[in-house]
Amino acid sequence: MKVMIDLCVVPMGVGVSVSSYVAACQQEIEAAGLSHQMHAYGTNIEGEWDEVFAVVKRCHEVVHELGAPRVTTSMRIGTRTDRDQTMADKVQSVTEKLTTS
């Protein structure tokens, strides 16, 4: 089953700056070959359910390996069975409506 998630991984107990942990997680997503789009407070990822959730697990593992004693994650998860839809399709749909109004 295809899935889109909005993932926000937050290392805890590592100080104020977390960009190195975010970068490590981004590298795991890229290594998995999944379509993704980083934004200011997380990353949108799309792909097959098992592949997407395997990379979420790997993000937790790598952040712990880098020394974070705790990791908290929030996700929004979307699936649909009526048609194939990508992240780009969703954005394009809204953009078209903005330009026609």
N, C-alpha and C. Protein backbone atom coordinates (compact mmCIF):
# COMPACT_ATOMS: atom_id res chain seq x y z
N MET A 1 0.84 -1.17 0.00
CA MET A 1 0.00 0.00 0.00
C MET A 1 0.89 1.23 0.00
N LYS A 2 0.54 2.21 -0.82
CA LYS A 2 1.25 3.49 -0.86
C LYS A 2 0.85 4.34 0.34
N VAL A 3 1.80 5.13 0.82
CA VAL A 3 1.55 5.99 1.97
C VAL A 3 2.34 7.28 1.80
N MET A 4 1.78 8.36 2.32
CA MET A 4 2.49 9.63 2.46
C MET A 4 2.51 9.96 3.94
N ILE A 5 3.67 10.39 4.42
CA ILE A 5 3.75 10.80 5.82
C ILE A 5 4.41 12.16 5.91
N ASP A 6 4.09 12.85 6.96
CA ASP A 6 4.79 14.07 7.35
C ASP A 6 5.50 13.70 8.65
N LEU A 7 6.81 13.63 8.60
CA LEU A 7 7.62 13.12 9.70
C LEU A 7 8.39 14.25 10.38
N CYS A 8 8.33 14.26 11.70
CA CYS A 8 9.11 15.22 12.48
C CYS A 8 9.80 14.45 13.61
N VAL A 9 11.10 14.24 13.47
CA VAL A 9 11.91 13.51 14.46
C VAL A 9 12.64 14.53 15.31
N VAL A 10 12.47 14.44 16.63
CA VAL A 10 13.08 15.41 17.53
C VAL A 10 13.97 14.67 18.55
N PRO A 11 15.30 14.85 18.43
CA PRO A 11 16.19 14.29 19.45
C PRO A 11 16.07 15.09 20.73
N MET A 12 16.10 14.39 21.85
CA MET A 12 15.98 15.07 23.14
C MET A 12 17.25 14.82 23.95
N GLY A 13 17.61 15.80 24.75
CA GLY A 13 18.79 15.67 25.61
C GLY A 13 20.09 15.93 24.88
N VAL A 14 20.01 16.69 23.76
CA VAL A 14 21.22 16.94 22.96
C VAL A 14 21.53 18.43 22.81
N GLY A 15 20.80 19.27 23.49
CA GLY A 15 21.02 20.71 23.37
C GLY A 15 20.02 21.34 22.43
N VAL A 16 20.27 22.59 22.11
CA VAL A 16 19.32 23.39 21.33
C VAL A 16 19.38 23.09 19.84
N SER A 17 20.57 22.97 19.28
CA SER A 17 20.72 22.73 17.84
C SER A 17 20.57 21.25 17.53
N VAL A 18 19.69 20.94 16.58
CA VAL A 18 19.46 19.53 16.21
C VAL A 18 19.73 19.28 14.73
N SER A 19 20.29 20.26 14.03
CA SER A 19 20.45 20.13 12.58
C SER A 19 21.32 18.95 12.16
N SER A 20 22.32 18.60 12.93
CA SER A 20 23.16 17.46 12.56
C SER A 20 22.37 16.15 12.64
N TYR A 21 21.44 16.06 13.57
CA TYR A 21 20.60 14.87 13.70
C TYR A 21 19.60 14.81 12.56
N VAL A 22 19.05 15.97 12.21
CA VAL A 22 18.12 16.05 11.08
C VAL A 22 18.84 15.65 9.79
N ALA A 23 20.06 16.13 9.63
CA ALA A 23 20.84 15.79 8.43
C ALA A 23 21.09 14.28 8.35
N ALA A 24 21.39 13.66 9.47
CA ALA A 24 21.62 12.22 9.48
C ALA A 24 20.36 11.46 9.10
N CYS A 25 19.22 11.92 9.59
CA CYS A 25 17.94 11.30 9.23
C CYS A 25 17.66 11.50 7.75
N GLN A 26 17.93 12.69 7.23
CA GLN A 26 17.73 12.96 5.80
C GLN A 26 18.58 12.02 4.95
N GLN A 27 19.80 11.75 5.39
CA GLN A 27 20.67 10.83 4.65
C GLN A 27 20.07 9.43 4.59
N GLU A 28 19.44 9.01 5.67
CA GLU A 28 18.79 7.69 5.69
C GLU A 28 17.62 7.65 4.71
N ILE A 29 16.85 8.72 4.65
CA ILE A 29 15.72 8.78 3.73
C ILE A 29 16.23 8.74 2.29
N GLU A 30 17.28 9.51 2.00
CA GLU A 30 17.85 9.52 0.66
C GLU A 30 18.41 8.16 0.30
N ALA A 31 19.10 7.51 1.24
CA ALA A 31 19.68 6.19 0.99
C ALA A 31 18.60 5.15 0.69
N ALA A 32 17.41 5.35 1.26
CA ALA A 32 16.30 4.42 1.02
C ALA A 32 15.69 4.62 -0.37
N GLY A 33 16.04 5.74 -1.02
CA GLY A 33 15.52 6.00 -2.36
C GLY A 33 14.08 6.43 -2.40
N LEU A 34 13.57 6.92 -1.29
CA LEU A 34 12.17 7.33 -1.23
C LEU A 34 12.01 8.78 -1.68
N SER A 35 10.89 9.07 -2.32
CA SER A 35 10.57 10.43 -2.69
C SER A 35 10.29 11.19 -1.40
N HIS A 36 10.91 12.37 -1.26
CA HIS A 36 10.75 13.13 -0.02
C HIS A 36 10.96 14.61 -0.28
N GLN A 37 10.45 15.40 0.64
CA GLN A 37 10.60 16.86 0.57
C GLN A 37 10.76 17.38 1.99
N MET A 38 11.95 17.86 2.30
CA MET A 38 12.19 18.44 3.62
C MET A 38 11.56 19.83 3.68
N HIS A 39 11.02 20.18 4.83
CA HIS A 39 10.51 21.52 5.05
C HIS A 39 10.99 21.98 6.43
N ALA A 40 10.61 23.15 6.85
CA ALA A 40 11.18 23.75 8.05
C ALA A 40 10.96 22.94 9.32
N TYR A 41 9.87 22.18 9.40
CA TYR A 41 9.57 21.45 10.62
C TYR A 41 9.36 19.97 10.40
N GLY A 42 10.01 19.42 9.38
CA GLY A 42 9.89 17.99 9.14
C GLY A 42 10.16 17.63 7.70
N THR A 43 9.72 16.44 7.33
CA THR A 43 9.93 15.93 5.98
C THR A 43 8.70 15.16 5.54
N ASN A 44 8.23 15.45 4.33
CA ASN A 44 7.19 14.64 3.71
C ASN A 44 7.88 13.50 2.98
N ILE A 45 7.36 12.30 3.14
CA ILE A 45 7.94 11.11 2.50
C ILE A 45 6.79 10.31 1.89
N GLU A 46 7.03 9.76 0.68
CA GLU A 46 6.03 8.90 0.07
C GLU A 46 6.68 7.64 -0.44
N GLY A 47 5.90 6.57 -0.44
CA GLY A 47 6.39 5.29 -0.94
C GLY A 47 5.52 4.16 -0.44
N GLU A 48 6.04 2.95 -0.57
CA GLU A 48 5.33 1.79 -0.06
C GLU A 48 5.39 1.79 1.47
N TRP A 49 4.30 1.38 2.10
CA TRP A 49 4.15 1.41 3.56
C TRP A 49 5.38 0.85 4.28
N ASP A 50 5.77 -0.37 3.96
CA ASP A 50 6.87 -1.01 4.68
C ASP A 50 8.19 -0.27 4.50
N GLU A 51 8.45 0.25 3.32
CA GLU A 51 9.68 0.99 3.07
C GLU A 51 9.70 2.31 3.83
N VAL A 52 8.58 3.00 3.85
CA VAL A 52 8.50 4.28 4.56
C VAL A 52 8.68 4.08 6.06
N PHE A 53 8.01 3.09 6.61
CA PHE A 53 8.12 2.89 8.05
C PHE A 53 9.46 2.28 8.45
N ALA A 54 10.12 1.58 7.53
CA ALA A 54 11.47 1.09 7.80
C ALA A 54 12.43 2.27 7.93
N VAL A 55 12.25 3.31 7.10
CA VAL A 55 13.14 4.46 7.20
C VAL A 55 12.83 5.29 8.45
N VAL A 56 11.59 5.31 8.90
CA VAL A 56 11.27 5.98 10.17
C VAL A 56 12.03 5.28 11.30
N LYS A 57 12.01 3.96 11.30
CA LYS A 57 12.74 3.19 12.31
C LYS A 57 14.23 3.49 12.21
N ARG A 58 14.75 3.51 11.00
CA ARG A 58 16.19 3.77 10.81
C ARG A 58 16.55 5.17 11.30
N CYS A 59 15.67 6.15 11.09
CA CYS A 59 15.92 7.50 11.60
C CYS A 59 16.08 7.48 13.12
N HIS A 60 15.20 6.76 13.80
CA HIS A 60 15.33 6.65 15.25
C HIS A 60 16.65 6.00 15.63
N GLU A 61 17.00 4.93 14.93
CA GLU A 61 18.24 4.22 15.25
C GLU A 61 19.45 5.13 15.09
N VAL A 62 19.53 5.84 13.97
CA VAL A 62 20.71 6.67 13.70
C VAL A 62 20.79 7.85 14.67
N VAL A 63 19.67 8.42 15.03
CA VAL A 63 19.69 9.54 15.99
C VAL A 63 20.15 9.05 17.36
N HIS A 64 19.72 7.86 17.77
CA HIS A 64 20.23 7.28 19.02
C HIS A 64 21.72 6.98 18.91
N GLU A 65 22.15 6.44 17.75
CA GLU A 65 23.56 6.13 17.54
C GLU A 65 24.44 7.38 17.65
N LEU A 66 23.88 8.52 17.30
CA LEU A 66 24.62 9.79 17.38
C LEU A 66 24.63 10.37 18.79
N GLY A 67 23.98 9.68 19.73
CA GLY A 67 24.07 10.10 21.12
C GLY A 67 22.82 10.65 21.76
N ALA A 68 21.74 10.75 21.02
CA ALA A 68 20.50 11.25 21.63
C ALA A 68 19.92 10.17 22.55
N PRO A 69 19.75 10.47 23.84
CA PRO A 69 19.20 9.47 24.74
C PRO A 69 17.70 9.23 24.55
N ARG A 70 17.02 10.23 24.00
CA ARG A 70 15.58 10.11 23.74
C ARG A 70 15.28 10.69 22.38
N VAL A 71 14.27 10.12 21.74
CA VAL A 71 13.78 10.64 20.46
C VAL A 71 12.27 10.63 20.51
N THR A 72 11.68 11.75 20.15
CA THR A 72 10.23 11.81 20.05
C THR A 72 9.88 12.15 18.60
N THR A 73 8.88 11.49 18.09
CA THR A 73 8.50 11.67 16.69
C THR A 73 7.01 11.90 16.58
N SER A 74 6.65 12.84 15.71
CA SER A 74 5.25 13.01 15.36
C SER A 74 5.11 12.75 13.87
N MET A 75 3.99 12.15 13.50
CA MET A 75 3.72 11.84 12.10
C MET A 75 2.27 12.08 11.78
N ARG A 76 2.05 12.54 10.58
CA ARG A 76 0.72 12.50 9.99
C ARG A 76 0.83 11.51 8.85
N ILE A 77 -0.15 10.63 8.73
CA ILE A 77 -0.08 9.53 7.78
C ILE A 77 -1.32 9.57 6.90
N GLY A 78 -1.10 9.44 5.59
CA GLY A 78 -2.23 9.40 4.67
C GLY A 78 -2.10 8.27 3.67
N THR A 79 -3.20 7.59 3.45
CA THR A 79 -3.27 6.58 2.40
C THR A 79 -4.56 6.80 1.63
N ARG A 80 -4.58 6.32 0.40
CA ARG A 80 -5.83 6.34 -0.36
C ARG A 80 -5.82 5.16 -1.31
N THR A 81 -7.00 4.63 -1.56
CA THR A 81 -7.12 3.46 -2.43
C THR A 81 -7.85 3.75 -3.73
N ASP A 82 -8.41 4.96 -3.85
CA ASP A 82 -9.20 5.27 -5.04
C ASP A 82 -8.35 5.64 -6.24
N ARG A 83 -7.11 6.11 -6.01
CA ARG A 83 -6.22 6.45 -7.11
C ARG A 83 -4.82 6.67 -6.58
N ASP A 84 -3.85 6.64 -7.52
CA ASP A 84 -2.47 6.98 -7.16
C ASP A 84 -2.36 8.50 -7.12
N GLN A 85 -1.70 9.00 -6.09
CA GLN A 85 -1.49 10.44 -5.97
C GLN A 85 -0.15 10.67 -5.31
N THR A 86 0.63 11.58 -5.86
CA THR A 86 1.93 11.91 -5.29
C THR A 86 1.86 13.21 -4.50
N MET A 87 2.93 13.48 -3.78
CA MET A 87 3.01 14.76 -3.07
C MET A 87 2.91 15.92 -4.05
N ALA A 88 3.58 15.78 -5.19
CA ALA A 88 3.55 16.84 -6.21
C ALA A 88 2.14 17.04 -6.74
N ASP A 89 1.38 15.95 -6.91
CA ASP A 89 0.00 16.06 -7.38
C ASP A 89 -0.84 16.89 -6.40
N LYS A 90 -0.65 16.65 -5.11
CA LYS A 90 -1.42 17.36 -4.10
C LYS A 90 -1.11 18.86 -4.13
N VAL A 91 0.16 19.20 -4.23
CA VAL A 91 0.56 20.60 -4.27
C VAL A 91 0.06 21.25 -5.55
N GLN A 92 0.18 20.56 -6.66
CA GLN A 92 -0.26 21.10 -7.95
C GLN A 92 -1.76 21.39 -7.94
N SER A 93 -2.53 20.52 -7.33
CA SER A 93 -3.98 20.72 -7.26
C SER A 93 -4.33 22.04 -6.57
N VAL A 94 -3.65 22.32 -5.47
CA VAL A 94 -3.91 23.57 -4.75
C VAL A 94 -3.38 24.76 -5.54
N THR A 95 -2.21 24.62 -6.10
CA THR A 95 -1.62 25.71 -6.89
C THR A 95 -2.52 26.10 -8.05
N GLU A 96 -3.09 25.12 -8.73
CA GLU A 96 -4.01 25.40 -9.84
C GLU A 96 -5.22 26.19 -9.36
N LYS A 97 -5.73 25.83 -8.21
CA LYS A 97 -6.90 26.53 -7.68
C LYS A 97 -6.55 27.96 -7.29
N LEU A 98 -5.34 28.18 -6.83
CA LEU A 98 -4.91 29.54 -6.49
C LEU A 98 -4.77 30.42 -7.72
N THR A 99 -4.33 29.85 -8.83
CA THR A 99 -4.14 30.64 -10.03
C THR A 99 -5.42 30.88 -10.81
N THR A 100 -6.46 30.10 -10.52
CA THR A 100 -7.73 30.29 -11.22
C THR A 100 -8.73 31.10 -10.42
N SER A 101 -8.38 31.46 -9.23
CA SER A 101 -9.35 32.24 -8.43
C SER A 101 -9.10 33.71 -8.46
